[in-house]
Amino acid sequence: MVRTWRSGPGGTFNCPHCGALYAVTITRFPTRDKDDAVCDCCHEVMAEWNDTAVPSFKLIEARRRRMRHERRRIRRRGSLLSR
């Protein structure tokens, strides 16, 4: 088993795809770790790392995932309103 150096709170994180809210804990290891974290709600990769500081995510609040066509419609409306 690899000995950890230290752990600490990393704040909160929102999935960039669906907005699910996670509590983050950062653990420091003596060697690099390359991995990613997949959202429990939308199953998309929400974070990647290649570092000795490794985040772990605990779901706090799930958000309703928007369908792709809904995101496009919102983007179109937003771009029309900003012009």
Protein backbone atom coordinates (compact mmCIF):
# COMPACT_ATOMS: atom_id res chain seq x y z
CA MET A 1 0.00 0.00 0.00
CA VAL A 2 1.26 3.44 -0.90
CA ARG A 3 1.71 5.76 2.04
CA THR A 4 -0.06 9.11 1.63
CA TRP A 5 1.61 12.32 2.62
CA ARG A 6 -1.48 14.26 3.64
CA SER A 7 -5.13 14.89 2.81
CA GLY A 8 -7.29 17.96 3.01
CA PRO A 9 -10.50 19.51 1.83
CA GLY A 10 -10.52 20.76 -1.73
CA GLY A 11 -13.77 22.71 -1.64
CA THR A 12 -16.62 22.00 -4.03
CA PHE A 13 -16.74 21.24 -7.73
CA ASN A 14 -19.53 21.35 -10.32
CA CYS A 15 -19.58 18.87 -13.19
CA PRO A 16 -19.04 20.96 -16.34
CA HIS A 17 -21.53 18.77 -18.25
CA CYS A 18 -24.57 18.51 -15.96
CA GLY A 19 -23.84 20.80 -13.00
CA ALA A 20 -23.85 18.10 -10.31
CA LEU A 21 -22.24 19.37 -7.11
CA TYR A 22 -19.37 17.43 -5.51
CA ALA A 23 -17.31 17.80 -2.35
CA VAL A 24 -13.62 17.42 -3.18
CA THR A 25 -10.85 16.02 -0.99
CA ILE A 26 -7.24 16.35 -2.16
CA THR A 27 -4.79 13.59 -1.20
CA ARG A 28 -1.07 13.99 -1.85
CA PHE A 29 0.92 10.91 -2.80
CA PRO A 30 4.71 10.49 -3.08
CA THR A 31 4.35 9.46 -6.74
CA ARG A 32 2.35 10.82 -9.66
CA ASP A 33 -1.08 9.47 -10.47
CA LYS A 34 -2.70 9.85 -13.89
CA ASP A 35 -6.43 9.24 -13.91
CA ASP A 36 -9.82 10.83 -14.41
CA ALA A 37 -13.13 11.14 -12.57
CA VAL A 38 -16.47 10.29 -14.16
CA CYS A 39 -19.66 12.04 -13.05
CA ASP A 40 -22.12 9.80 -11.21
CA CYS A 41 -25.06 11.58 -12.87
CA CYS A 42 -24.17 12.07 -16.55
CA HIS A 43 -21.29 9.56 -16.83
CA GLU A 44 -19.03 12.09 -18.59
CA VAL A 45 -15.38 12.68 -17.66
CA MET A 46 -15.48 15.73 -15.41
CA ALA A 47 -11.83 15.98 -14.30
CA GLU A 48 -8.41 14.61 -15.29
CA TRP A 49 -5.08 14.79 -13.52
CA ASN A 50 -1.45 13.75 -13.78
CA ASP A 51 -0.03 14.89 -10.47
CA THR A 52 0.86 13.92 -6.92
CA ALA A 53 -2.22 15.84 -5.72
CA VAL A 54 -5.14 13.49 -6.41
CA PRO A 55 -8.73 14.66 -5.99
CA SER A 56 -11.57 12.44 -4.81
CA PHE A 57 -15.17 13.46 -5.41
CA LYS A 58 -18.27 12.81 -3.29
CA LEU A 59 -21.65 13.66 -4.81
CA ILE A 60 -23.55 16.26 -2.76
CA GLU A 61 -26.37 17.25 -5.11
CA ALA A 62 -27.44 15.78 -8.44
CA ARG A 63 -28.76 18.13 -11.09
CA ARG A 64 -31.13 17.31 -13.91
CA ARG A 65 -29.08 16.72 -17.01
CA ARG A 66 -30.01 18.89 -19.95
CA MET A 67 -30.40 17.16 -23.23
CA ARG A 68 -28.08 18.25 -26.01
CA HIS A 69 -30.88 19.85 -28.03
CA GLU A 70 -31.89 21.92 -24.97
CA ARG A 71 -28.32 23.21 -24.56
CA ARG A 72 -28.19 24.16 -28.24
CA ARG A 73 -31.50 26.02 -27.98
CA ILE A 74 -30.28 27.93 -24.91
CA ARG A 75 -27.00 28.81 -26.65
CA ARG A 76 -28.86 30.05 -29.71
CA ARG A 77 -31.16 32.20 -27.60
CA GLY A 78 -28.21 33.57 -25.66
CA SER A 79 -26.28 34.43 -28.81
CA LEU A 80 -29.34 36.13 -30.30
CA LEU A 81 -29.92 38.16 -27.16
CA SER A 82 -26.29 39.29 -26.93
CA ARG A 83 -26.25 40.74 -30.45
